[in-house]
Amino acid sequence: MIKSILIASAITISTLQLQSQTDEPRELNCYNKWSVKFDERGAEEVADGVYTDVIITSRTGAKANCFSGKAEVSGHKLLRCYIILEDGTYEEVKRTWKNNSNKDVTIINGISSSMVTVHNELINVLWPKKIKAKKAAAKKAPDPTDD
């Protein structure tokens, strides 16, 4: 009887510890933080041209890296993108792409569609200066008074 109680207690404690570990909120990576902001505010259309103020994201699983970059847009599609190096020079983002995912890359709500490499790395380009201005918050009504 005592063994049964001890085993049941151990299982309960283990289960509670496992649940508390999985209930912890995950920290957002740099791509997710930007994506949330674009979703909340929306973005202006990205016109054709060369942009030197973009963010290039590289994601593998839950890990992400975000780099300052340059992008060329033509026909409202991403042609190519470059990462800005510490010395101010540019390095084109070249990978071995899966299913030509680097062709006809659309830009929706200020973020390019994902380009996928043969190693399942996801690459996106973001245009942060295209994010719409924050909307004004609703003005709170006053509480009633005893006048």
C-alpha atoms as a PDB file:
ATOM      1  CA  MET A   1       0.000   0.000   0.000  1.00  0.00           C
ATOM      2  CA  ILE A   2       2.757   2.445   0.946  1.00  0.00           C
ATOM      3  CA  LYS A   3       4.666   1.508  -2.222  1.00  0.00           C
ATOM      4  CA  SER A   4       1.601   2.318  -4.320  1.00  0.00           C
ATOM      5  CA  ILE A   5       1.209   5.712  -2.664  1.00  0.00           C
ATOM      6  CA  LEU A   6       4.905   6.521  -3.146  1.00  0.00           C
ATOM      7  CA  ILE A   7       4.821   5.482  -6.824  1.00  0.00           C
ATOM      8  CA  ALA A   8       1.632   7.483  -7.451  1.00  0.00           C
ATOM      9  CA  SER A   9       3.177  10.521  -5.740  1.00  0.00           C
ATOM     10  CA  ALA A  10       6.360  10.234  -7.803  1.00  0.00           C
ATOM     11  CA  ILE A  11       4.367  10.004 -11.045  1.00  0.00           C
ATOM     12  CA  THR A  12       2.240  13.004 -10.075  1.00  0.00           C
ATOM     13  CA  ILE A  13       5.285  15.115  -9.198  1.00  0.00           C
ATOM     14  CA  SER A  14       7.037  14.132 -12.455  1.00  0.00           C
ATOM     15  CA  THR A  15       3.945  14.986 -14.488  1.00  0.00           C
ATOM     16  CA  LEU A  16       3.566  18.381 -12.782  1.00  0.00           C
ATOM     17  CA  GLN A  17       7.229  19.215 -13.384  1.00  0.00           C
ATOM     18  CA  LEU A  18       6.933  18.245 -17.046  1.00  0.00           C
ATOM     19  CA  GLN A  19       3.776  20.356 -17.463  1.00  0.00           C
ATOM     20  CA  SER A  20       5.367  23.380 -15.807  1.00  0.00           C
ATOM     21  CA  GLN A  21       8.298  23.151 -18.224  1.00  0.00           C
ATOM     22  CA  THR A  22       6.050  22.990 -21.296  1.00  0.00           C
ATOM     23  CA  ASP A  23       3.689  25.747 -20.065  1.00  0.00           C
ATOM     24  CA  GLU A  24       6.489  28.324 -19.978  1.00  0.00           C
ATOM     25  CA  PRO A  25       6.068  30.922 -22.716  1.00  0.00           C
ATOM     26  CA  ARG A  26       8.598  30.626 -25.498  1.00  0.00           C
ATOM     27  CA  GLU A  27      10.782  33.588 -26.243  1.00  0.00           C
ATOM     28  CA  LEU A  28      10.085  35.033 -29.669  1.00  0.00           C
ATOM     29  CA  ASN A  29      12.964  35.095 -32.130  1.00  0.00           C
ATOM     30  CA  CYS A  30      13.765  38.171 -34.221  1.00  0.00           C
ATOM     31  CA  TYR A  31      11.635  37.001 -37.165  1.00  0.00           C
ATOM     32  CA  ASN A  32       8.609  36.330 -34.963  1.00  0.00           C
ATOM     33  CA  LYS A  33       8.901  39.730 -33.271  1.00  0.00           C
ATOM     34  CA  TRP A  34       8.889  41.514 -36.639  1.00  0.00           C
ATOM     35  CA  SER A  35       6.149  39.280 -38.024  1.00  0.00           C
ATOM     36  CA  VAL A  36       3.870  40.145 -35.092  1.00  0.00           C
ATOM     37  CA  LYS A  37       4.454  43.870 -35.671  1.00  0.00           C
ATOM     38  CA  PHE A  38       3.640  43.549 -39.386  1.00  0.00           C
ATOM     39  CA  ASP A  39       0.484  41.551 -38.554  1.00  0.00           C
ATOM     40  CA  GLU A  40      -0.677  44.127 -35.992  1.00  0.00           C
ATOM     41  CA  ARG A  41      -0.141  47.249 -38.093  1.00  0.00           C
ATOM     42  CA  GLY A  42      -0.061  46.129 -41.708  1.00  0.00           C
ATOM     43  CA  ALA A  43       2.329  47.536 -44.273  1.00  0.00           C
ATOM     44  CA  GLU A  44       2.332  49.775 -47.321  1.00  0.00           C
ATOM     45  CA  GLU A  45       2.887  48.202 -50.729  1.00  0.00           C
ATOM     46  CA  VAL A  46       6.537  47.689 -51.660  1.00  0.00           C
ATOM     47  CA  ALA A  47       7.153  49.489 -54.957  1.00  0.00           C
ATOM     48  CA  ASP A  48       9.772  48.507 -57.514  1.00  0.00           C
ATOM     49  CA  GLY A  49      13.283  49.732 -56.695  1.00  0.00           C
ATOM     50  CA  VAL A  50      16.387  49.072 -54.639  1.00  0.00           C
ATOM     51  CA  TYR A  51      16.026  49.186 -50.847  1.00  0.00           C
ATOM     52  CA  THR A  52      19.033  49.465 -48.532  1.00  0.00           C
ATOM     53  CA  ASP A  53      16.994  49.324 -45.330  1.00  0.00           C
ATOM     54  CA  VAL A  54      15.571  45.786 -45.326  1.00  0.00           C
ATOM     55  CA  ILE A  55      15.976  42.953 -42.847  1.00  0.00           C
ATOM     56  CA  ILE A  56      16.941  39.546 -44.134  1.00  0.00           C
ATOM     57  CA  THR A  57      15.928  36.662 -41.903  1.00  0.00           C
ATOM     58  CA  SER A  58      17.332  33.165 -41.890  1.00  0.00           C
ATOM     59  CA  ARG A  59      15.426  30.539 -39.902  1.00  0.00           C
ATOM     60  CA  THR A  60      16.102  26.935 -39.111  1.00  0.00           C
ATOM     61  CA  GLY A  61      13.651  25.346 -36.704  1.00  0.00           C
ATOM     62  CA  ALA A  62      12.991  27.749 -33.820  1.00  0.00           C
ATOM     63  CA  LYS A  63      16.282  29.608 -34.328  1.00  0.00           C
ATOM     64  CA  ALA A  64      16.452  32.772 -36.390  1.00  0.00           C
ATOM     65  CA  ASN A  65      19.056  35.310 -37.427  1.00  0.00           C
ATOM     66  CA  CYS A  66      18.187  38.765 -38.687  1.00  0.00           C
ATOM     67  CA  PHE A  67      20.609  40.839 -40.736  1.00  0.00           C
ATOM     68  CA  SER A  68      20.557  44.314 -42.239  1.00  0.00           C
ATOM     69  CA  GLY A  69      20.371  44.103 -45.972  1.00  0.00           C
ATOM     70  CA  LYS A  70      19.610  45.415 -49.421  1.00  0.00           C
ATOM     71  CA  ALA A  71      16.929  44.117 -51.789  1.00  0.00           C
ATOM     72  CA  GLU A  72      15.967  44.633 -55.413  1.00  0.00           C
ATOM     73  CA  VAL A  73      12.284  44.600 -56.357  1.00  0.00           C
ATOM     74  CA  SER A  74      10.868  44.502 -59.881  1.00  0.00           C
ATOM     75  CA  GLY A  75       7.313  43.760 -60.945  1.00  0.00           C
ATOM     76  CA  HIS A  76       6.389  43.757 -57.233  1.00  0.00           C
ATOM     77  CA  LYS A  77       8.573  40.658 -56.787  1.00  0.00           C
ATOM     78  CA  LEU A  78      11.888  40.177 -54.991  1.00  0.00           C
ATOM     79  CA  LEU A  79      14.701  39.738 -57.515  1.00  0.00           C
ATOM     80  CA  ARG A  80      17.697  39.361 -55.229  1.00  0.00           C
ATOM     81  CA  CYS A  81      18.859  40.324 -51.768  1.00  0.00           C
ATOM     82  CA  TYR A  82      22.163  41.085 -50.097  1.00  0.00           C
ATOM     83  CA  ILE A  83      23.399  41.075 -46.514  1.00  0.00           C
ATOM     84  CA  ILE A  84      25.298  44.194 -45.438  1.00  0.00           C
ATOM     85  CA  LEU A  85      28.648  43.219 -43.958  1.00  0.00           C
ATOM     86  CA  GLU A  86      30.395  45.028 -41.094  1.00  0.00           C
ATOM     87  CA  ASP A  87      32.719  46.833 -43.542  1.00  0.00           C
ATOM     88  CA  GLY A  88      29.723  48.267 -45.451  1.00  0.00           C
ATOM     89  CA  THR A  89      30.013  45.930 -48.437  1.00  0.00           C
ATOM     90  CA  TYR A  90      27.231  43.673 -49.672  1.00  0.00           C
ATOM     91  CA  GLU A  91      27.154  39.915 -50.048  1.00  0.00           C
ATOM     92  CA  GLU A  92      24.385  38.396 -52.170  1.00  0.00           C
ATOM     93  CA  VAL A  93      22.292  35.752 -50.446  1.00  0.00           C
ATOM     94  CA  LYS A  94      23.012  32.675 -52.551  1.00  0.00           C
ATOM     95  CA  ARG A  95      21.850  29.215 -51.594  1.00  0.00           C
ATOM     96  CA  THR A  96      20.864  26.002 -53.276  1.00  0.00           C
ATOM     97  CA  TRP A  97      17.120  26.530 -53.405  1.00  0.00           C
ATOM     98  CA  LYS A  98      14.429  23.911 -53.128  1.00  0.00           C
ATOM     99  CA  ASN A  99      11.888  23.846 -56.003  1.00  0.00           C
ATOM    100  CA  ASN A 100      13.097  27.213 -57.377  1.00  0.00           C
ATOM    101  CA  SER A 101      11.601  28.901 -54.296  1.00  0.00           C
ATOM    102  CA  ASN A 102      13.767  31.957 -55.036  1.00  0.00           C
ATOM    103  CA  LYS A 103      11.839  32.620 -58.275  1.00  0.00           C
ATOM    104  CA  ASP A 104       8.692  34.781 -58.403  1.00  0.00           C
ATOM    105  CA  VAL A 105       8.998  35.708 -54.715  1.00  0.00           C
ATOM    106  CA  THR A 106       5.935  37.761 -53.818  1.00  0.00           C
ATOM    107  CA  ILE A 107       5.828  40.492 -51.189  1.00  0.00           C
ATOM    108  CA  ILE A 108       2.704  40.557 -49.052  1.00  0.00           C
ATOM    109  CA  ASN A 109       2.161  42.968 -46.168  1.00  0.00           C
ATOM    110  CA  GLY A 110       5.826  44.050 -46.218  1.00  0.00           C
ATOM    111  CA  ILE A 111       7.300  40.537 -45.973  1.00  0.00           C
ATOM    112  CA  SER A 112       8.519  38.369 -48.836  1.00  0.00           C
ATOM    113  CA  SER A 113       7.243  34.833 -49.206  1.00  0.00           C
ATOM    114  CA  SER A 114       9.627  32.259 -47.739  1.00  0.00           C
ATOM    115  CA  MET A 115      12.435  30.948 -49.867  1.00  0.00           C
ATOM    116  CA  VAL A 116      13.467  27.424 -48.830  1.00  0.00           C
ATOM    117  CA  THR A 117      16.927  25.934 -49.207  1.00  0.00           C
ATOM    118  CA  VAL A 118      17.730  22.255 -49.698  1.00  0.00           C
ATOM    119  CA  HIS A 119      18.756  22.260 -46.017  1.00  0.00           C
ATOM    120  CA  ASN A 120      15.276  23.533 -44.996  1.00  0.00           C
ATOM    121  CA  GLU A 121      16.554  26.992 -44.097  1.00  0.00           C
ATOM    122  CA  LEU A 122      13.825  29.625 -44.557  1.00  0.00           C
ATOM    123  CA  ILE A 123      14.833  33.034 -45.917  1.00  0.00           C
ATOM    124  CA  ASN A 124      12.518  36.073 -45.858  1.00  0.00           C
ATOM    125  CA  VAL A 125      13.052  39.753 -46.585  1.00  0.00           C
ATOM    126  CA  LEU A 126      11.215  42.354 -44.479  1.00  0.00           C
ATOM    127  CA  TRP A 127      10.648  46.035 -45.208  1.00  0.00           C
ATOM    128  CA  PRO A 128      10.340  47.625 -41.716  1.00  0.00           C
ATOM    129  CA  LYS A 129       9.957  51.185 -43.030  1.00  0.00           C
ATOM    130  CA  LYS A 130       6.780  50.075 -44.810  1.00  0.00           C
ATOM    131  CA  ILE A 131       5.006  49.272 -41.522  1.00  0.00           C
ATOM    132  CA  LYS A 132       1.965  51.506 -41.136  1.00  0.00           C
ATOM    133  CA  ALA A 133       1.905  54.033 -38.306  1.00  0.00           C
ATOM    134  CA  LYS A 134       0.540  52.910 -34.982  1.00  0.00           C
ATOM    135  CA  LYS A 135      -3.152  53.690 -34.676  1.00  0.00           C
ATOM    136  CA  ALA A 136      -4.277  55.988 -31.896  1.00  0.00           C
ATOM    137  CA  ALA A 137      -5.798  54.191 -28.925  1.00  0.00           C
ATOM    138  CA  ALA A 138      -9.460  54.710 -28.090  1.00  0.00           C
ATOM    139  CA  LYS A 139     -10.050  57.486 -25.566  1.00  0.00           C
ATOM    140  CA  LYS A 140     -11.366  56.149 -22.254  1.00  0.00           C
ATOM    141  CA  ALA A 141     -14.636  57.563 -20.972  1.00  0.00           C
ATOM    142  CA  PRO A 142     -14.593  59.151 -17.516  1.00  0.00           C
ATOM    143  CA  ASP A 143     -16.045  57.350 -14.506  1.00  0.00           C
ATOM    144  CA  PRO A 144     -19.375  58.683 -13.208  1.00  0.00           C
ATOM    145  CA  THR A 145     -19.285  61.362 -10.545  1.00  0.00           C
ATOM    146  CA  ASP A 146     -21.619  62.120  -7.625  1.00  0.00           C
ATOM    147  CA  ASP A 147     -22.624  65.613  -8.799  1.00  0.00           C
END
